[in-house]
Amino acid sequence: MVEGTAGGTTFDFSGRIVLITGAAGNLGAAVTAAFVAAGASLALVEHRLDSLQAAYAGLAERPDVHFFEADLTDEAAVERLGEAVLRQAGRVDVLVNLAGGFKMGTPVHETGRQTWEFMLNLNAGTVFLVSRAFIPHMIERGSGKIVNIAGKPGLEGNPRAAAYSAAKSAVLRLTESMAAELKSSGINVNCVVPGTMDTPENREAMPKARVEKWVSPDQVASVILFLASDAAAAIHGAAVPIYGLG
């Protein structure tokens, strides 16, 4: 038995297949490590295959780890991804929708439609398309866990970040809607709401910030591990805040 630890509690994901989008990012690395420690088999997805190969060279030869390249904002590409994952991995027990991104924008009246659509497609559209690809498979099996990533800006608007805030708010509403639709099918859908995460990029962008108040990717990964576990079987549609000391 292999056990991963989240908040002092151990979880065993042996025999379960976990699909993680955005797996090569900072949070993706922490979430992947947590599920590896818990014994899960993995399907890791990124926009570029070489980023997965560089990030996880040590996992590349494992027969229970599969790498997939896909543009998750493209409907046809996600459909092909769904077919490839189910063909190679056999099933998906846990879907973790990490793919997304932030870019400081402009005031609403100066924001172009391309920027608006890019933020919504990257952060909310990917959750919609990937979830849609795997939900029928989970319904057929009568079980599944889906964990989405929202963000504190999804709860309140901020200057020059309207598109991002709207996208993360959409993730919250998607989570609630999917949870209401799927709980009777044995599927849990929840999301986490991180505050500012302690990443190299955020440290560079905010050199004067009090980083000790930020939340670490490992801390966020621990909550995701819990929501994906049997311990969270009674939780549907939750948005768990993870703000650290901020």
C-alpha atoms as a PDB file:
ATOM      1  CA  MET A   1       0.000   0.000   0.000  1.00  0.00           C
ATOM      2  CA  VAL A   2       1.239   3.489  -0.896  1.00  0.00           C
ATOM      3  CA  GLU A   3      -0.161   6.429   1.003  1.00  0.00           C
ATOM      4  CA  GLY A   4      -0.092  10.156   0.358  1.00  0.00           C
ATOM      5  CA  THR A   5      -0.499  12.647   3.151  1.00  0.00           C
ATOM      6  CA  ALA A   6      -2.781  15.669   3.164  1.00  0.00           C
ATOM      7  CA  GLY A   7      -2.944  17.790   6.298  1.00  0.00           C
ATOM      8  CA  GLY A   8      -1.669  14.931   8.420  1.00  0.00           C
ATOM      9  CA  THR A   9      -4.208  12.469   6.992  1.00  0.00           C
ATOM     10  CA  THR A  10      -3.051   9.661   4.730  1.00  0.00           C
ATOM     11  CA  PHE A  11      -4.858   8.667   1.547  1.00  0.00           C
ATOM     12  CA  ASP A  12      -4.358   5.612  -0.626  1.00  0.00           C
ATOM     13  CA  PHE A  13      -5.075   6.040  -4.348  1.00  0.00           C
ATOM     14  CA  SER A  14      -3.611   2.701  -5.419  1.00  0.00           C
ATOM     15  CA  GLY A  15      -5.554   1.306  -8.356  1.00  0.00           C
ATOM     16  CA  ARG A  16      -7.059   4.684  -9.255  1.00  0.00           C
ATOM     17  CA  ILE A  17      -6.338   6.644 -12.403  1.00  0.00           C
ATOM     18  CA  VAL A  18      -5.997  10.401 -11.980  1.00  0.00           C
ATOM     19  CA  LEU A  19      -6.051  12.775 -14.940  1.00  0.00           C
ATOM     20  CA  ILE A  20      -4.349  16.135 -14.300  1.00  0.00           C
ATOM     21  CA  THR A  21      -4.486  18.968 -16.814  1.00  0.00           C
ATOM     22  CA  GLY A  22      -1.883  21.714 -16.692  1.00  0.00           C
ATOM     23  CA  ALA A  23       0.369  19.129 -15.100  1.00  0.00           C
ATOM     24  CA  ALA A  24       3.701  20.793 -15.866  1.00  0.00           C
ATOM     25  CA  GLY A  25       2.939  24.033 -14.016  1.00  0.00           C
ATOM     26  CA  ASN A  26       3.883  24.911 -10.448  1.00  0.00           C
ATOM     27  CA  LEU A  27       0.620  23.658  -8.978  1.00  0.00           C
ATOM     28  CA  GLY A  28       0.577  20.745 -11.417  1.00  0.00           C
ATOM     29  CA  ALA A  29       3.956  19.581 -10.129  1.00  0.00           C
ATOM     30  CA  ALA A  30       2.750  19.694  -6.528  1.00  0.00           C
ATOM     31  CA  VAL A  31      -0.510  17.890  -7.301  1.00  0.00           C
ATOM     32  CA  THR A  32       1.267  15.259  -9.387  1.00  0.00           C
ATOM     33  CA  ALA A  33       3.773  14.629  -6.589  1.00  0.00           C
ATOM     34  CA  ALA A  34       0.957  14.253  -4.067  1.00  0.00           C
ATOM     35  CA  PHE A  35      -0.864  11.662  -6.170  1.00  0.00           C
ATOM     36  CA  VAL A  36       2.370   9.811  -6.972  1.00  0.00           C
ATOM     37  CA  ALA A  37       3.040   9.558  -3.234  1.00  0.00           C
ATOM     38  CA  ALA A  38      -0.492   8.232  -2.769  1.00  0.00           C
ATOM     39  CA  GLY A  39       0.070   5.445  -5.308  1.00  0.00           C
ATOM     40  CA  ALA A  40      -2.160   6.705  -8.117  1.00  0.00           C
ATOM     41  CA  SER A  41      -1.763   5.917 -11.789  1.00  0.00           C
ATOM     42  CA  LEU A  42      -1.537   9.129 -13.781  1.00  0.00           C
ATOM     43  CA  ALA A  43      -2.652  10.679 -17.056  1.00  0.00           C
ATOM     44  CA  LEU A  44      -0.805  14.004 -17.335  1.00  0.00           C
ATOM     45  CA  VAL A  45      -1.901  16.597 -19.868  1.00  0.00           C
ATOM     46  CA  GLU A  46      -0.152  19.719 -21.153  1.00  0.00           C
ATOM     47  CA  HIS A  47      -0.272  21.996 -24.170  1.00  0.00           C
ATOM     48  CA  ARG A  48       3.212  20.786 -25.152  1.00  0.00           C
ATOM     49  CA  LEU A  49       4.484  17.266 -24.703  1.00  0.00           C
ATOM     50  CA  ASP A  50       8.091  18.358 -24.233  1.00  0.00           C
ATOM     51  CA  SER A  51       7.159  20.332 -21.111  1.00  0.00           C
ATOM     52  CA  LEU A  52       5.822  17.135 -19.528  1.00  0.00           C
ATOM     53  CA  GLN A  53       8.887  15.194 -20.595  1.00  0.00           C
ATOM     54  CA  ALA A  54      11.172  17.812 -19.062  1.00  0.00           C
ATOM     55  CA  ALA A  55       9.191  18.076 -15.833  1.00  0.00           C
ATOM     56  CA  TYR A  56       8.699  14.342 -15.302  1.00  0.00           C
ATOM     57  CA  ALA A  57      11.676  12.582 -16.827  1.00  0.00           C
ATOM     58  CA  GLY A  58      11.721  10.281 -13.817  1.00  0.00           C
ATOM     59  CA  LEU A  59       8.158   9.115 -14.474  1.00  0.00           C
ATOM     60  CA  ALA A  60       8.386   8.668 -18.240  1.00  0.00           C
ATOM     61  CA  GLU A  61       9.226   4.960 -18.124  1.00  0.00           C
ATOM     62  CA  ARG A  62       6.540   4.004 -15.633  1.00  0.00           C
ATOM     63  CA  PRO A  63       3.779   1.928 -17.244  1.00  0.00           C
ATOM     64  CA  ASP A  64       1.149   3.551 -15.012  1.00  0.00           C
ATOM     65  CA  VAL A  65       2.016   7.111 -16.120  1.00  0.00           C
ATOM     66  CA  HIS A  66       0.798   8.448 -19.466  1.00  0.00           C
ATOM     67  CA  PHE A  67       1.667  11.780 -21.099  1.00  0.00           C
ATOM     68  CA  PHE A  68      -0.771  13.585 -23.394  1.00  0.00           C
ATOM     69  CA  GLU A  69      -0.407  16.738 -25.475  1.00  0.00           C
ATOM     70  CA  ALA A  70      -3.537  18.759 -26.210  1.00  0.00           C
ATOM     71  CA  ASP A  71      -4.790  22.287 -26.736  1.00  0.00           C
ATOM     72  CA  LEU A  72      -7.552  22.241 -24.157  1.00  0.00           C
ATOM     73  CA  THR A  73      -9.209  25.331 -25.599  1.00  0.00           C
ATOM     74  CA  ASP A  74      -9.873  23.427 -28.840  1.00  0.00           C
ATOM     75  CA  GLU A  75     -13.041  21.309 -28.831  1.00  0.00           C
ATOM     76  CA  ALA A  76     -11.835  18.763 -31.379  1.00  0.00           C
ATOM     77  CA  ALA A  77      -8.484  18.394 -29.613  1.00  0.00           C
ATOM     78  CA  VAL A  78     -10.230  17.680 -26.307  1.00  0.00           C
ATOM     79  CA  GLU A  79     -12.429  15.079 -27.955  1.00  0.00           C
ATOM     80  CA  ARG A  80      -9.320  13.361 -29.320  1.00  0.00           C
ATOM     81  CA  LEU A  81      -7.721  13.600 -25.878  1.00  0.00           C
ATOM     82  CA  GLY A  82     -10.696  11.860 -24.302  1.00  0.00           C
ATOM     83  CA  GLU A  83     -10.453   9.011 -26.757  1.00  0.00           C
ATOM     84  CA  ALA A  84      -6.684   8.685 -26.296  1.00  0.00           C
ATOM     85  CA  VAL A  85      -6.829   8.716 -22.501  1.00  0.00           C
ATOM     86  CA  LEU A  86      -9.547   6.084 -22.315  1.00  0.00           C
ATOM     87  CA  ARG A  87      -7.745   3.960 -24.904  1.00  0.00           C
ATOM     88  CA  GLN A  88      -4.395   4.064 -23.096  1.00  0.00           C
ATOM     89  CA  ALA A  89      -5.374   4.370 -19.439  1.00  0.00           C
ATOM     90  CA  GLY A  90      -8.675   2.490 -19.616  1.00  0.00           C
ATOM     91  CA  ARG A  91     -10.676   4.861 -17.423  1.00  0.00           C
ATOM     92  CA  VAL A  92     -10.480   8.018 -15.334  1.00  0.00           C
ATOM     93  CA  ASP A  93     -11.395   7.884 -11.654  1.00  0.00           C
ATOM     94  CA  VAL A  94     -10.318  11.415 -10.754  1.00  0.00           C
ATOM     95  CA  LEU A  95     -10.202  14.492 -12.987  1.00  0.00           C
ATOM     96  CA  VAL A  96      -8.232  17.490 -11.733  1.00  0.00           C
ATOM     97  CA  ASN A  97      -8.769  20.551 -13.933  1.00  0.00           C
ATOM     98  CA  LEU A  98      -5.662  22.649 -13.299  1.00  0.00           C
ATOM     99  CA  ALA A  99      -5.182  24.181 -16.756  1.00  0.00           C
ATOM    100  CA  GLY A 100      -5.506  27.949 -16.732  1.00  0.00           C
ATOM    101  CA  GLY A 101      -3.521  31.122 -16.383  1.00  0.00           C
ATOM    102  CA  PHE A 102      -3.459  34.745 -15.325  1.00  0.00           C
ATOM    103  CA  LYS A 103      -2.388  37.843 -17.181  1.00  0.00           C
ATOM    104  CA  MET A 104      -2.857  41.353 -15.845  1.00  0.00           C
ATOM    105  CA  GLY A 105      -5.127  43.149 -18.239  1.00  0.00           C
ATOM    106  CA  THR A 106      -6.571  46.590 -18.838  1.00  0.00           C
ATOM    107  CA  PRO A 107      -9.671  48.441 -17.636  1.00  0.00           C
ATOM    108  CA  VAL A 108     -12.865  46.924 -19.022  1.00  0.00           C
ATOM    109  CA  HIS A 109     -13.405  49.781 -21.488  1.00  0.00           C
ATOM    110  CA  GLU A 110      -9.910  49.201 -22.900  1.00  0.00           C
ATOM    111  CA  THR A 111     -10.082  45.401 -23.020  1.00  0.00           C
ATOM    112  CA  GLY A 112     -10.239  43.841 -26.455  1.00  0.00           C
ATOM    113  CA  ARG A 113     -12.563  40.978 -27.252  1.00  0.00           C
ATOM    114  CA  GLN A 114      -9.577  38.730 -27.985  1.00  0.00           C
ATOM    115  CA  THR A 115      -8.211  39.205 -24.454  1.00  0.00           C
ATOM    116  CA  TRP A 116     -11.647  38.662 -22.951  1.00  0.00           C
ATOM    117  CA  GLU A 117     -12.227  35.433 -24.850  1.00  0.00           C
ATOM    118  CA  PHE A 118      -8.703  34.174 -24.237  1.00  0.00           C
ATOM    119  CA  MET A 119      -9.047  34.440 -20.450  1.00  0.00           C
ATOM    120  CA  LEU A 120     -12.492  32.828 -20.437  1.00  0.00           C
ATOM    121  CA  ASN A 121     -11.460  30.022 -22.770  1.00  0.00           C
ATOM    122  CA  LEU A 122      -8.227  29.297 -20.915  1.00  0.00           C
ATOM    123  CA  ASN A 123      -9.689  29.244 -17.405  1.00  0.00           C
ATOM    124  CA  ALA A 124     -13.359  28.298 -17.770  1.00  0.00           C
ATOM    125  CA  GLY A 125     -13.580  26.864 -21.275  1.00  0.00           C
ATOM    126  CA  THR A 126     -10.985  24.216 -20.506  1.00  0.00           C
ATOM    127  CA  VAL A 127     -12.941  23.075 -17.437  1.00  0.00           C
ATOM    128  CA  PHE A 128     -16.100  22.891 -19.528  1.00  0.00           C
ATOM    129  CA  LEU A 129     -14.574  20.983 -22.453  1.00  0.00           C
ATOM    130  CA  VAL A 130     -12.454  18.516 -20.464  1.00  0.00           C
ATOM    131  CA  SER A 131     -15.201  17.768 -17.962  1.00  0.00           C
ATOM    132  CA  ARG A 132     -17.688  17.236 -20.777  1.00  0.00           C
ATOM    133  CA  ALA A 133     -15.319  14.748 -22.394  1.00  0.00           C
ATOM    134  CA  PHE A 134     -15.043  12.514 -19.318  1.00  0.00           C
ATOM    135  CA  ILE A 135     -18.340  12.921 -17.462  1.00  0.00           C
ATOM    136  CA  PRO A 136     -20.254  10.393 -19.651  1.00  0.00           C
ATOM    137  CA  HIS A 137     -17.562   7.818 -18.878  1.00  0.00           C
ATOM    138  CA  MET A 138     -17.901   8.512 -15.144  1.00  0.00           C
ATOM    139  CA  ILE A 139     -21.689   8.314 -15.323  1.00  0.00           C
ATOM    140  CA  GLU A 140     -21.419   4.942 -17.049  1.00  0.00           C
ATOM    141  CA  ARG A 141     -19.143   3.695 -14.261  1.00  0.00           C
ATOM    142  CA  GLY A 142     -21.317   5.233 -11.535  1.00  0.00           C
ATOM    143  CA  SER A 143     -18.412   6.957  -9.808  1.00  0.00           C
ATOM    144  CA  GLY A 144     -15.867   9.718 -10.183  1.00  0.00           C
ATOM    145  CA  LYS A 145     -14.257  12.771  -8.636  1.00  0.00           C
ATOM    146  CA  ILE A 146     -13.781  16.130 -10.336  1.00  0.00           C
ATOM    147  CA  VAL A 147     -11.772  18.914  -8.721  1.00  0.00           C
ATOM    148  CA  ASN A 148     -11.610  22.336 -10.370  1.00  0.00           C
ATOM    149  CA  ILE A 149      -9.402  25.347  -9.663  1.00  0.00           C
ATOM    150  CA  ALA A 150     -11.114  28.667  -9.134  1.00  0.00           C
ATOM    151  CA  GLY A 151      -9.383  31.613  -7.465  1.00  0.00           C
ATOM    152  CA  LYS A 152      -9.991  34.436  -5.040  1.00  0.00           C
ATOM    153  CA  PRO A 153     -10.535  36.937  -7.900  1.00  0.00           C
ATOM    154  CA  GLY A 154     -13.556  34.836  -8.875  1.00  0.00           C
ATOM    155  CA  LEU A 155     -15.256  36.031  -5.708  1.00  0.00           C
ATOM    156  CA  GLU A 156     -14.677  39.746  -6.251  1.00  0.00           C
ATOM    157  CA  GLY A 157     -13.654  41.928  -9.152  1.00  0.00           C
ATOM    158  CA  ASN A 158     -10.345  43.758  -9.213  1.00  0.00           C
ATOM    159  CA  PRO A 159      -8.980  46.563 -11.380  1.00  0.00           C
ATOM    160  CA  ARG A 160      -7.483  45.450 -14.696  1.00  0.00           C
ATOM    161  CA  ALA A 161      -8.458  41.825 -14.083  1.00  0.00           C
ATOM    162  CA  ALA A 162     -12.105  41.682 -15.155  1.00  0.00           C
ATOM    163  CA  ALA A 163     -11.630  38.918 -17.707  1.00  0.00           C
ATOM    164  CA  TYR A 164      -9.722  36.711 -15.273  1.00  0.00           C
ATOM    165  CA  SER A 165     -12.191  37.393 -12.441  1.00  0.00           C
ATOM    166  CA  ALA A 166     -15.123  36.574 -14.698  1.00  0.00           C
ATOM    167  CA  ALA A 167     -13.462  33.371 -15.848  1.00  0.00           C
ATOM    168  CA  LYS A 168     -12.781  32.147 -12.318  1.00  0.00           C
ATOM    169  CA  SER A 169     -16.310  33.091 -11.292  1.00  0.00           C
ATOM    170  CA  ALA A 170     -17.526  30.939 -14.182  1.00  0.00           C
ATOM    171  CA  VAL A 171     -15.482  28.022 -12.789  1.00  0.00           C
ATOM    172  CA  LEU A 172     -17.351  28.393  -9.491  1.00  0.00           C
ATOM    173  CA  ARG A 173     -20.735  28.292 -11.216  1.00  0.00           C
ATOM    174  CA  LEU A 174     -19.666  25.365 -13.422  1.00  0.00           C
ATOM    175  CA  THR A 175     -18.603  23.470 -10.307  1.00  0.00           C
ATOM    176  CA  GLU A 176     -21.937  24.081  -8.590  1.00  0.00           C
ATOM    177  CA  SER A 177     -23.960  23.148 -11.664  1.00  0.00           C
ATOM    178  CA  MET A 178     -22.015  19.972 -12.377  1.00  0.00           C
ATOM    179  CA  ALA A 179     -22.223  18.954  -8.721  1.00  0.00           C
ATOM    180  CA  ALA A 180     -26.004  19.356  -8.712  1.00  0.00           C
ATOM    181  CA  GLU A 181     -26.314  17.405 -11.960  1.00  0.00           C
ATOM    182  CA  LEU A 182     -23.959  14.561 -11.090  1.00  0.00           C
ATOM    183  CA  LYS A 183     -24.204  13.815  -7.378  1.00  0.00           C
ATOM    184  CA  SER A 184     -27.001  11.306  -7.940  1.00  0.00           C
ATOM    185  CA  SER A 185     -24.669   9.464 -10.353  1.00  0.00           C
ATOM    186  CA  GLY A 186     -22.015   8.879  -7.700  1.00  0.00           C
ATOM    187  CA  ILE A 187     -19.785  11.712  -8.895  1.00  0.00           C
ATOM    188  CA  ASN A 188     -18.380  14.422  -6.629  1.00  0.00           C
ATOM    189  CA  VAL A 189     -17.574  17.810  -8.154  1.00  0.00           C
ATOM    190  CA  ASN A 190     -15.836  20.436  -6.027  1.00  0.00           C
ATOM    191  CA  CYS A 191     -13.278  23.185  -6.415  1.00  0.00           C
ATOM    192  CA  VAL A 192     -10.534  24.935  -4.504  1.00  0.00           C
ATOM    193  CA  VAL A 193     -10.152  28.709  -4.295  1.00  0.00           C
ATOM    194  CA  PRO A 194      -6.479  29.546  -3.759  1.00  0.00           C
ATOM    195  CA  GLY A 195      -5.223  32.948  -2.766  1.00  0.00           C
ATOM    196  CA  THR A 196      -1.851  34.133  -4.032  1.00  0.00           C
ATOM    197  CA  MET A 197       0.411  31.121  -4.398  1.00  0.00           C
ATOM    198  CA  ASP A 198       4.106  31.143  -3.571  1.00  0.00           C
ATOM    199  CA  THR A 199       5.613  30.520  -6.992  1.00  0.00           C
ATOM    200  CA  PRO A 200       8.790  31.840  -8.637  1.00  0.00           C
ATOM    201  CA  GLU A 201       6.677  33.859 -11.067  1.00  0.00           C
ATOM    202  CA  ASN A 202       4.680  35.549  -8.296  1.00  0.00           C
ATOM    203  CA  ARG A 203       7.838  36.320  -6.329  1.00  0.00           C
ATOM    204  CA  GLU A 204       9.351  37.961  -9.383  1.00  0.00           C
ATOM    205  CA  ALA A 205       6.177  39.935 -10.133  1.00  0.00           C
ATOM    206  CA  MET A 206       5.725  41.070  -6.519  1.00  0.00           C
ATOM    207  CA  PRO A 207       9.231  41.353  -5.016  1.00  0.00           C
ATOM    208  CA  LYS A 208       8.078  43.452  -2.040  1.00  0.00           C
ATOM    209  CA  ALA A 209       5.190  41.197  -1.041  1.00  0.00           C
ATOM    210  CA  ARG A 210       5.108  39.350   2.259  1.00  0.00           C
ATOM    211  CA  VAL A 211       5.454  35.900   0.774  1.00  0.00           C
ATOM    212  CA  GLU A 212       5.137  34.237   4.184  1.00  0.00           C
ATOM    213  CA  LYS A 213       1.421  35.045   3.956  1.00  0.00           C
ATOM    214  CA  TRP A 214       0.987  33.278   0.646  1.00  0.00           C
ATOM    215  CA  VAL A 215      -0.219  29.715   0.252  1.00  0.00           C
ATOM    216  CA  SER A 216       2.175  27.117  -1.137  1.00  0.00           C
ATOM    217  CA  PRO A 217       1.329  24.822  -4.072  1.00  0.00           C
ATOM    218  CA  ASP A 218       1.872  21.864  -1.717  1.00  0.00           C
ATOM    219  CA  GLN A 219      -0.823  23.191   0.613  1.00  0.00           C
ATOM    220  CA  VAL A 220      -3.268  23.537  -2.269  1.00  0.00           C
ATOM    221  CA  ALA A 221      -2.355  20.044  -3.466  1.00  0.00           C
ATOM    222  CA  SER A 222      -3.189  18.629  -0.043  1.00  0.00           C
ATOM    223  CA  VAL A 223      -6.744  19.975  -0.236  1.00  0.00           C
ATOM    224  CA  ILE A 224      -7.147  18.656  -3.776  1.00  0.00           C
ATOM    225  CA  LEU A 225      -6.004  15.232  -2.586  1.00  0.00           C
ATOM    226  CA  PHE A 226      -8.651  15.320   0.147  1.00  0.00           C
ATOM    227  CA  LEU A 227     -11.450  16.354  -2.240  1.00  0.00           C
ATOM    228  CA  ALA A 228     -10.461  13.520  -4.585  1.00  0.00           C
ATOM    229  CA  SER A 229     -10.540  10.961  -1.765  1.00  0.00           C
ATOM    230  CA  ASP A 230     -13.327   8.845  -0.318  1.00  0.00           C
ATOM    231  CA  ALA A 231     -13.189  11.044   2.779  1.00  0.00           C
ATOM    232  CA  ALA A 232     -14.938  13.762   0.744  1.00  0.00           C
ATOM    233  CA  ALA A 233     -17.754  11.495  -0.467  1.00  0.00           C
ATOM    234  CA  ALA A 234     -20.430  13.672   1.148  1.00  0.00           C
ATOM    235  CA  ILE A 235     -19.111  16.951  -0.299  1.00  0.00           C
ATOM    236  CA  HIS A 236     -20.716  18.280  -3.490  1.00  0.00           C
ATOM    237  CA  GLY A 237     -20.336  21.721  -5.041  1.00  0.00           C
ATOM    238  CA  ALA A 238     -17.970  23.117  -2.429  1.00  0.00           C
ATOM    239  CA  ALA A 239     -15.574  25.988  -3.076  1.00  0.00           C
ATOM    240  CA  VAL A 240     -12.823  25.548  -0.512  1.00  0.00           C
ATOM    241  CA  PRO A 241     -10.862  28.743   0.252  1.00  0.00           C
ATOM    242  CA  ILE A 242      -7.095  28.283   0.619  1.00  0.00           C
ATOM    243  CA  TYR A 243      -5.697  31.713   1.422  1.00  0.00           C
ATOM    244  CA  GLY A 244      -2.816  30.928   3.748  1.00  0.00           C
ATOM    245  CA  LEU A 245      -2.303  33.961   5.996  1.00  0.00           C
ATOM    246  CA  GLY A 246      -3.300  36.452   3.325  1.00  0.00           C
END
